[in-house]
Amino acid sequence: MKEVMSSVDLRVAVKELEESGRRFIDKPFIHSRREVRLKLKGDSGRQDLLIVPGVRVHLTNFPKPSPMRPPDFVMSLRKWI
């Protein structure tokens, strides 16, 4: 099993996201130092984009529970989105 993403893997993931329709970022979440979740909304409803840098990028309909108090960095991001 692969442990890291290559540039080819990343290109395929980006192409699949582009083909799946237009989406907008609704809210960002940070679950750990290396895991970011973006709540997306678009034509096909709401989905979450889970990003673990260098490891995986995928859409999911089953997100992890959100932290009770988001970090200050996430709060500042939400102001600009």
PDB file of N, CA and C in Angstrom:
ATOM      1  N   MET A   1       0.835  -1.180   0.000  1.00  0.00           N
ATOM      2  CA  MET A   1       0.000   0.000   0.000  1.00  0.00           C
ATOM      3  C   MET A   1       0.885   1.252   0.000  1.00  0.00           C
ATOM      4  N   LYS A   2       0.471   2.247  -0.756  1.00  0.00           N
ATOM      5  CA  LYS A   2       1.252   3.487  -0.854  1.00  0.00           C
ATOM      6  C   LYS A   2       1.102   4.296   0.428  1.00  0.00           C
ATOM      7  N   GLU A   3       2.175   4.965   0.814  1.00  0.00           N
ATOM      8  CA  GLU A   3       2.149   5.789   2.007  1.00  0.00           C
ATOM      9  C   GLU A   3       2.143   7.274   1.696  1.00  0.00           C
ATOM     10  N   VAL A   4       2.526   7.643   0.482  1.00  0.00           N
ATOM     11  CA  VAL A   4       2.553   9.056   0.090  1.00  0.00           C
ATOM     12  C   VAL A   4       1.954   9.211  -1.308  1.00  0.00           C
ATOM     13  N   MET A   5       1.489  10.421  -1.603  1.00  0.00           N
ATOM     14  CA  MET A   5       0.937  10.720  -2.921  1.00  0.00           C
ATOM     15  C   MET A   5       2.043  11.209  -3.851  1.00  0.00           C
ATOM     16  N   SER A   6       1.963  10.778  -5.086  1.00  0.00           N
ATOM     17  CA  SER A   6       2.890  11.282  -6.091  1.00  0.00           C
ATOM     18  C   SER A   6       2.206  12.419  -6.848  1.00  0.00           C
ATOM     19  N   SER A   7       2.940  13.055  -7.734  1.00  0.00           N
ATOM     20  CA  SER A   7       2.352  14.136  -8.522  1.00  0.00           C
ATOM     21  C   SER A   7       1.264  13.606  -9.448  1.00  0.00           C
ATOM     22  N   VAL A   8       1.393  12.376  -9.893  1.00  0.00           N
ATOM     23  CA  VAL A   8       0.362  11.761 -10.741  1.00  0.00           C
ATOM     24  C   VAL A   8      -0.921  11.556  -9.934  1.00  0.00           C
ATOM     25  N   ASP A   9      -0.792  11.065  -8.704  1.00  0.00           N
ATOM     26  CA  ASP A   9      -1.958  10.879  -7.835  1.00  0.00           C
ATOM     27  C   ASP A   9      -2.672  12.204  -7.598  1.00  0.00           C
ATOM     28  N   LEU A  10      -1.899  13.242  -7.358  1.00  0.00           N
ATOM     29  CA  LEU A  10      -2.481  14.555  -7.108  1.00  0.00           C
ATOM     30  C   LEU A  10      -3.195  15.078  -8.346  1.00  0.00           C
ATOM     31  N   ARG A  11      -2.613  14.899  -9.505  1.00  0.00           N
ATOM     32  CA  ARG A  11      -3.244  15.352 -10.755  1.00  0.00           C
ATOM     33  C   ARG A  11      -4.576  14.632 -10.999  1.00  0.00           C
ATOM     34  N   VAL A  12      -4.626  13.336 -10.739  1.00  0.00           N
ATOM     35  CA  VAL A  12      -5.859  12.569 -10.906  1.00  0.00           C
ATOM     36  C   VAL A  12      -6.922  13.056  -9.915  1.00  0.00           C
ATOM     37  N   ALA A  13      -6.532  13.316  -8.675  1.00  0.00           N
ATOM     38  CA  ALA A  13      -7.482  13.811  -7.672  1.00  0.00           C
ATOM     39  C   ALA A  13      -8.047  15.175  -8.069  1.00  0.00           C
ATOM     40  N   VAL A  14      -7.196  16.059  -8.569  1.00  0.00           N
ATOM     41  CA  VAL A  14      -7.647  17.386  -9.002  1.00  0.00           C
ATOM     42  C   VAL A  14      -8.603  17.271 -10.186  1.00  0.00           C
ATOM     43  N   LYS A  15      -8.293  16.396 -11.122  1.00  0.00           N
ATOM     44  CA  LYS A  15      -9.160  16.212 -12.289  1.00  0.00           C
ATOM     45  C   LYS A  15     -10.534  15.682 -11.874  1.00  0.00           C
ATOM     46  N   GLU A  16     -10.564  14.741 -10.949  1.00  0.00           N
ATOM     47  CA  GLU A  16     -11.838  14.206 -10.463  1.00  0.00           C
ATOM     48  C   GLU A  16     -12.658  15.281  -9.759  1.00  0.00           C
ATOM     49  N   LEU A  17     -11.999  16.136  -8.987  1.00  0.00           N
ATOM     50  CA  LEU A  17     -12.706  17.225  -8.309  1.00  0.00           C
ATOM     51  C   LEU A  17     -13.268  18.219  -9.316  1.00  0.00           C
ATOM     52  N   GLU A  18     -12.499  18.514 -10.360  1.00  0.00           N
ATOM     53  CA  GLU A  18     -12.971  19.441 -11.393  1.00  0.00           C
ATOM     54  C   GLU A  18     -14.179  18.882 -12.127  1.00  0.00           C
ATOM     55  N   GLU A  19     -14.186  17.584 -12.398  1.00  0.00           N
ATOM     56  CA  GLU A  19     -15.275  16.956 -13.136  1.00  0.00           C
ATOM     57  C   GLU A  19     -16.538  16.765 -12.297  1.00  0.00           C
ATOM     58  N   SER A  20     -16.409  16.785 -10.987  1.00  0.00           N
ATOM     59  CA  SER A  20     -17.552  16.503 -10.124  1.00  0.00           C
ATOM     60  C   SER A  20     -18.473  17.709  -9.936  1.00  0.00           C
ATOM     61  N   GLY A  21     -18.160  18.829 -10.537  1.00  0.00           N
ATOM     62  CA  GLY A  21     -19.039  19.991 -10.461  1.00  0.00           C
ATOM     63  C   GLY A  21     -18.429  21.137  -9.689  1.00  0.00           C
ATOM     64  N   ARG A  22     -19.101  22.264  -9.773  1.00  0.00           N
ATOM     65  CA  ARG A  22     -18.609  23.478  -9.125  1.00  0.00           C
ATOM     66  C   ARG A  22     -18.977  23.462  -7.644  1.00  0.00           C
ATOM     67  N   ARG A  23     -17.994  23.773  -6.800  1.00  0.00           N
ATOM     68  CA  ARG A  23     -18.208  23.786  -5.347  1.00  0.00           C
ATOM     69  C   ARG A  23     -17.562  25.022  -4.750  1.00  0.00           C
ATOM     70  N   PHE A  24     -18.079  25.406  -3.583  1.00  0.00           N
ATOM     71  CA  PHE A  24     -17.542  26.540  -2.845  1.00  0.00           C
ATOM     72  C   PHE A  24     -17.239  26.101  -1.420  1.00  0.00           C
ATOM     73  N   ILE A  25     -16.211  26.704  -0.828  1.00  0.00           N
ATOM     74  CA  ILE A  25     -15.862  26.384   0.558  1.00  0.00           C
ATOM     75  C   ILE A  25     -16.874  27.046   1.473  1.00  0.00           C
ATOM     76  N   ASP A  26     -17.480  26.233   2.327  1.00  0.00           N
ATOM     77  CA  ASP A  26     -18.428  26.733   3.306  1.00  0.00           C
ATOM     78  C   ASP A  26     -17.718  27.031   4.628  1.00  0.00           C
ATOM     79  N   LYS A  27     -17.007  26.035   5.175  1.00  0.00           N
ATOM     80  CA  LYS A  27     -16.264  26.216   6.424  1.00  0.00           C
ATOM     81  C   LYS A  27     -15.006  25.355   6.424  1.00  0.00           C
ATOM     82  N   PRO A  28     -13.912  25.882   6.928  1.00  0.00           N
ATOM     83  CA  PRO A  28     -12.716  25.053   7.119  1.00  0.00           C
ATOM     84  C   PRO A  28     -12.660  24.494   8.545  1.00  0.00           C
ATOM     85  N   PHE A  29     -12.058  23.338   8.699  1.00  0.00           N
ATOM     86  CA  PHE A  29     -11.853  22.709  10.006  1.00  0.00           C
ATOM     87  C   PHE A  29     -10.437  22.162  10.045  1.00  0.00           C
ATOM     88  N   ILE A  30      -9.808  22.172  11.213  1.00  0.00           N
ATOM     89  CA  ILE A  30      -8.507  21.541  11.408  1.00  0.00           C
ATOM     90  C   ILE A  30      -8.686  20.533  12.534  1.00  0.00           C
ATOM     91  N   HIS A  31      -8.430  19.240  12.212  1.00  0.00           N
ATOM     92  CA  HIS A  31      -8.626  18.189  13.204  1.00  0.00           C
ATOM     93  C   HIS A  31      -7.345  17.835  13.936  1.00  0.00           C
ATOM     94  N   SER A  32      -6.223  18.003  13.277  1.00  0.00           N
ATOM     95  CA  SER A  32      -4.927  17.753  13.910  1.00  0.00           C
ATOM     96  C   SER A  32      -3.899  18.599  13.172  1.00  0.00           C
ATOM     97  N   ARG A  33      -2.659  18.440  13.535  1.00  0.00           N
ATOM     98  CA  ARG A  33      -1.617  19.238  12.879  1.00  0.00           C
ATOM     99  C   ARG A  33      -1.514  18.922  11.386  1.00  0.00           C
ATOM    100  N   ARG A  34      -1.947  17.729  10.987  1.00  0.00           N
ATOM    101  CA  ARG A  34      -1.756  17.311   9.601  1.00  0.00           C
ATOM    102  C   ARG A  34      -3.061  16.962   8.891  1.00  0.00           C
ATOM    103  N   GLU A  35      -4.201  17.334   9.443  1.00  0.00           N
ATOM    104  CA  GLU A  35      -5.467  16.974   8.807  1.00  0.00           C
ATOM    105  C   GLU A  35      -6.387  18.184   8.719  1.00  0.00           C
ATOM    106  N   VAL A  36      -6.755  18.542   7.494  1.00  0.00           N
ATOM    107  CA  VAL A  36      -7.624  19.692   7.238  1.00  0.00           C
ATOM    108  C   VAL A  36      -8.890  19.190   6.556  1.00  0.00           C
ATOM    109  N   ARG A  37     -10.023  19.705   6.979  1.00  0.00           N
ATOM    110  CA  ARG A  37     -11.297  19.364   6.341  1.00  0.00           C
ATOM    111  C   ARG A  37     -11.971  20.645   5.893  1.00  0.00           C
ATOM    112  N   LEU A  38     -12.388  20.673   4.623  1.00  0.00           N
ATOM    113  CA  LEU A  38     -13.107  21.811   4.073  1.00  0.00           C
ATOM    114  C   LEU A  38     -14.531  21.369   3.777  1.00  0.00           C
ATOM    115  N   LYS A  39     -15.506  22.012   4.392  1.00  0.00           N
ATOM    116  CA  LYS A  39     -16.900  21.713   4.085  1.00  0.00           C
ATOM    117  C   LYS A  39     -17.249  22.463   2.813  1.00  0.00           C
ATOM    118  N   LEU A  40     -17.680  21.707   1.794  1.00  0.00           N
ATOM    119  CA  LEU A  40     -17.970  22.278   0.488  1.00  0.00           C
ATOM    120  C   LEU A  40     -19.461  22.225   0.220  1.00  0.00           C
ATOM    121  N   LYS A  41     -19.956  23.232  -0.487  1.00  0.00           N
ATOM    122  CA  LYS A  41     -21.349  23.188  -0.945  1.00  0.00           C
ATOM    123  C   LYS A  41     -21.358  23.496  -2.427  1.00  0.00           C
ATOM    124  N   GLY A  42     -22.296  22.859  -3.123  1.00  0.00           N
ATOM    125  CA  GLY A  42     -22.357  23.043  -4.564  1.00  0.00           C
ATOM    126  C   GLY A  42     -23.614  22.455  -5.150  1.00  0.00           C
ATOM    127  N   ASP A  43     -23.567  22.219  -6.452  1.00  0.00           N
ATOM    128  CA  ASP A  43     -24.730  21.695  -7.161  1.00  0.00           C
ATOM    129  C   ASP A  43     -25.154  20.317  -6.656  1.00  0.00           C
ATOM    130  N   SER A  44     -24.191  19.509  -6.272  1.00  0.00           N
ATOM    131  CA  SER A  44     -24.484  18.140  -5.840  1.00  0.00           C
ATOM    132  C   SER A  44     -24.705  18.037  -4.333  1.00  0.00           C
ATOM    133  N   GLY A  45     -24.937  19.148  -3.664  1.00  0.00           N
ATOM    134  CA  GLY A  45     -25.154  19.136  -2.215  1.00  0.00           C
ATOM    135  C   GLY A  45     -23.879  19.431  -1.449  1.00  0.00           C
ATOM    136  N   ARG A  46     -23.880  19.035  -0.189  1.00  0.00           N
ATOM    137  CA  ARG A  46     -22.721  19.294   0.677  1.00  0.00           C
ATOM    138  C   ARG A  46     -21.853  18.051   0.799  1.00  0.00           C
ATOM    139  N   GLN A  47     -20.556  18.270   0.731  1.00  0.00           N
ATOM    140  CA  GLN A  47     -19.579  17.214   0.939  1.00  0.00           C
ATOM    141  C   GLN A  47     -18.383  17.817   1.655  1.00  0.00           C
ATOM    142  N   ASP A  48     -17.553  16.957   2.192  1.00  0.00           N
ATOM    143  CA  ASP A  48     -16.342  17.405   2.865  1.00  0.00           C
ATOM    144  C   ASP A  48     -15.121  16.933   2.096  1.00  0.00           C
ATOM    145  N   LEU A  49     -14.160  17.838   1.937  1.00  0.00           N
ATOM    146  CA  LEU A  49     -12.889  17.513   1.311  1.00  0.00           C
ATOM    147  C   LEU A  49     -11.876  17.332   2.429  1.00  0.00           C
ATOM    148  N   LEU A  50     -11.368  16.119   2.576  1.00  0.00           N
ATOM    149  CA  LEU A  50     -10.396  15.806   3.617  1.00  0.00           C
ATOM    150  C   LEU A  50      -9.008  15.843   2.997  1.00  0.00           C
ATOM    151  N   ILE A  51      -8.114  16.624   3.597  1.00  0.00           N
ATOM    152  CA  ILE A  51      -6.754  16.790   3.080  1.00  0.00           C
ATOM    153  C   ILE A  51      -5.757  16.422   4.173  1.00  0.00           C
ATOM    154  N   VAL A  52      -4.920  15.448   3.878  1.00  0.00           N
ATOM    155  CA  VAL A  52      -3.777  15.116   4.718  1.00  0.00           C
ATOM    156  C   VAL A  52      -2.568  15.299   3.809  1.00  0.00           C
ATOM    157  N   PRO A  53      -1.822  16.410   3.968  1.00  0.00           N
ATOM    158  CA  PRO A  53      -0.758  16.752   3.018  1.00  0.00           C
ATOM    159  C   PRO A  53       0.240  15.614   2.799  1.00  0.00           C
ATOM    160  N   GLY A  54       0.444  15.295   1.521  1.00  0.00           N
ATOM    161  CA  GLY A  54       1.395  14.270   1.147  1.00  0.00           C
ATOM    162  C   GLY A  54       0.881  12.851   1.275  1.00  0.00           C
ATOM    163  N   VAL A  55      -0.309  12.669   1.851  1.00  0.00           N
ATOM    164  CA  VAL A  55      -0.826  11.324   2.081  1.00  0.00           C
ATOM    165  C   VAL A  55      -2.080  11.058   1.267  1.00  0.00           C
ATOM    166  N   ARG A  56      -3.108  11.920   1.417  1.00  0.00           N
ATOM    167  CA  ARG A  56      -4.353  11.687   0.687  1.00  0.00           C
ATOM    168  C   ARG A  56      -5.183  12.956   0.583  1.00  0.00           C
ATOM    169  N   VAL A  57      -6.060  12.944  -0.421  1.00  0.00           N
ATOM    170  CA  VAL A  57      -7.053  13.991  -0.639  1.00  0.00           C
ATOM    171  C   VAL A  57      -8.293  13.272  -1.141  1.00  0.00           C
ATOM    172  N   HIS A  58      -9.435  13.431  -0.456  1.00  0.00           N
ATOM    173  CA  HIS A  58     -10.639  12.783  -0.950  1.00  0.00           C
ATOM    174  C   HIS A  58     -11.894  13.476  -0.432  1.00  0.00           C
ATOM    175  N   LEU A  59     -12.997  13.255  -1.170  1.00  0.00           N
ATOM    176  CA  LEU A  59     -14.306  13.748  -0.762  1.00  0.00           C
ATOM    177  C   LEU A  59     -14.982  12.698   0.102  1.00  0.00           C
ATOM    178  N   THR A  60     -15.750  13.152   1.087  1.00  0.00           N
ATOM    179  CA  THR A  60     -16.466  12.225   1.941  1.00  0.00           C
ATOM    180  C   THR A  60     -17.813  12.808   2.342  1.00  0.00           C
ATOM    181  N   ASN A  61     -18.750  11.929   2.606  1.00  0.00           N
ATOM    182  CA  ASN A  61     -20.048  12.331   3.151  1.00  0.00           C
ATOM    183  C   ASN A  61     -20.141  12.008   4.633  1.00  0.00           C
ATOM    184  N   PHE A  62     -19.080  11.422   5.194  1.00  0.00           N
ATOM    185  CA  PHE A  62     -19.065  11.001   6.585  1.00  0.00           C
ATOM    186  C   PHE A  62     -17.890  11.639   7.322  1.00  0.00           C
ATOM    187  N   PRO A  63     -18.006  12.920   7.669  1.00  0.00           N
ATOM    188  CA  PRO A  63     -16.878  13.609   8.313  1.00  0.00           C
ATOM    189  C   PRO A  63     -16.721  13.223   9.782  1.00  0.00           C
ATOM    190  N   LYS A  64     -15.545  13.472  10.298  1.00  0.00           N
ATOM    191  CA  LYS A  64     -15.298  13.319  11.738  1.00  0.00           C
ATOM    192  C   LYS A  64     -16.054  14.408  12.487  1.00  0.00           C
ATOM    193  N   PRO A  65     -16.353  14.182  13.752  1.00  0.00           N
ATOM    194  CA  PRO A  65     -16.978  15.259  14.535  1.00  0.00           C
ATOM    195  C   PRO A  65     -16.035  16.462  14.631  1.00  0.00           C
ATOM    196  N   SER A  66     -16.620  17.635  14.604  1.00  0.00           N
ATOM    197  CA  SER A  66     -15.830  18.866  14.668  1.00  0.00           C
ATOM    198  C   SER A  66     -15.414  19.166  16.103  1.00  0.00           C
ATOM    199  N   PRO A  67     -14.271  19.834  16.277  1.00  0.00           N
ATOM    200  CA  PRO A  67     -13.852  20.226  17.623  1.00  0.00           C
ATOM    201  C   PRO A  67     -14.844  21.219  18.233  1.00  0.00           C
ATOM    202  N   MET A  68     -15.008  21.167  19.535  1.00  0.00           N
ATOM    203  CA  MET A  68     -15.936  22.068  20.212  1.00  0.00           C
ATOM    204  C   MET A  68     -15.523  23.523  20.045  1.00  0.00           C
ATOM    205  N   ARG A  69     -14.234  23.792  20.151  1.00  0.00           N
ATOM    206  CA  ARG A  69     -13.718  25.156  20.003  1.00  0.00           C
ATOM    207  C   ARG A  69     -12.672  25.146  18.906  1.00  0.00           C
ATOM    208  N   PRO A  70     -12.969  25.757  17.759  1.00  0.00           N
ATOM    209  CA  PRO A  70     -11.973  25.767  16.677  1.00  0.00           C
ATOM    210  C   PRO A  70     -10.765  26.633  17.038  1.00  0.00           C
ATOM    211  N   PRO A  71      -9.596  26.291  16.492  1.00  0.00           N
ATOM    212  CA  PRO A  71      -8.406  27.117  16.732  1.00  0.00           C
ATOM    213  C   PRO A  71      -8.596  28.531  16.177  1.00  0.00           C
ATOM    214  N   ASP A  72      -7.836  29.472  16.713  1.00  0.00           N
ATOM    215  CA  ASP A  72      -7.931  30.873  16.278  1.00  0.00           C
ATOM    216  C   ASP A  72      -7.637  31.036  14.794  1.00  0.00           C
ATOM    217  N   PHE A  73      -6.710  30.222  14.270  1.00  0.00           N
ATOM    218  CA  PHE A  73      -6.386  30.297  12.849  1.00  0.00           C
ATOM    219  C   PHE A  73      -7.612  29.975  11.999  1.00  0.00           C
ATOM    220  N   VAL A  74      -8.356  28.966  12.382  1.00  0.00           N
ATOM    221  CA  VAL A  74      -9.564  28.582  11.642  1.00  0.00           C
ATOM    222  C   VAL A  74     -10.615  29.682  11.737  1.00  0.00           C
ATOM    223  N   MET A  75     -10.748  30.281  12.894  1.00  0.00           N
ATOM    224  CA  MET A  75     -11.719  31.367  13.059  1.00  0.00           C
ATOM    225  C   MET A  75     -11.372  32.547  12.150  1.00  0.00           C
ATOM    226  N   SER A  76     -10.080  32.851  12.029  1.00  0.00           N
ATOM    227  CA  SER A  76      -9.697  33.950  11.141  1.00  0.00           C
ATOM    228  C   SER A  76      -9.931  33.585   9.673  1.00  0.00           C
ATOM    229  N   LEU A  77      -9.720  32.313   9.308  1.00  0.00           N
ATOM    230  CA  LEU A  77     -10.022  31.880   7.942  1.00  0.00           C
ATOM    231  C   LEU A  77     -11.501  32.028   7.633  1.00  0.00           C
ATOM    232  N   ARG A  78     -12.345  31.675   8.569  1.00  0.00           N
ATOM    233  CA  ARG A  78     -13.791  31.722   8.358  1.00  0.00           C
ATOM    234  C   ARG A  78     -14.275  33.154   8.130  1.00  0.00           C
ATOM    235  N   LYS A  79     -13.586  34.123   8.698  1.00  0.00           N
ATOM    236  CA  LYS A  79     -13.972  35.513   8.473  1.00  0.00           C
ATOM    237  C   LYS A  79     -13.773  35.930   7.025  1.00  0.00           C
ATOM    238  N   TRP A  80     -12.767  35.330   6.365  1.00  0.00           N
ATOM    239  CA  TRP A  80     -12.422  35.728   4.997  1.00  0.00           C
ATOM    240  C   TRP A  80     -13.130  34.900   3.933  1.00  0.00           C
ATOM    241  N   ILE A  81     -13.742  33.783   4.339  1.00  0.00           N
ATOM    242  CA  ILE A  81     -14.414  32.916   3.350  1.00  0.00           C
ATOM    243  C   ILE A  81     -15.860  33.297   3.223  1.00  0.00           C
TER     244      ILE A  81
END
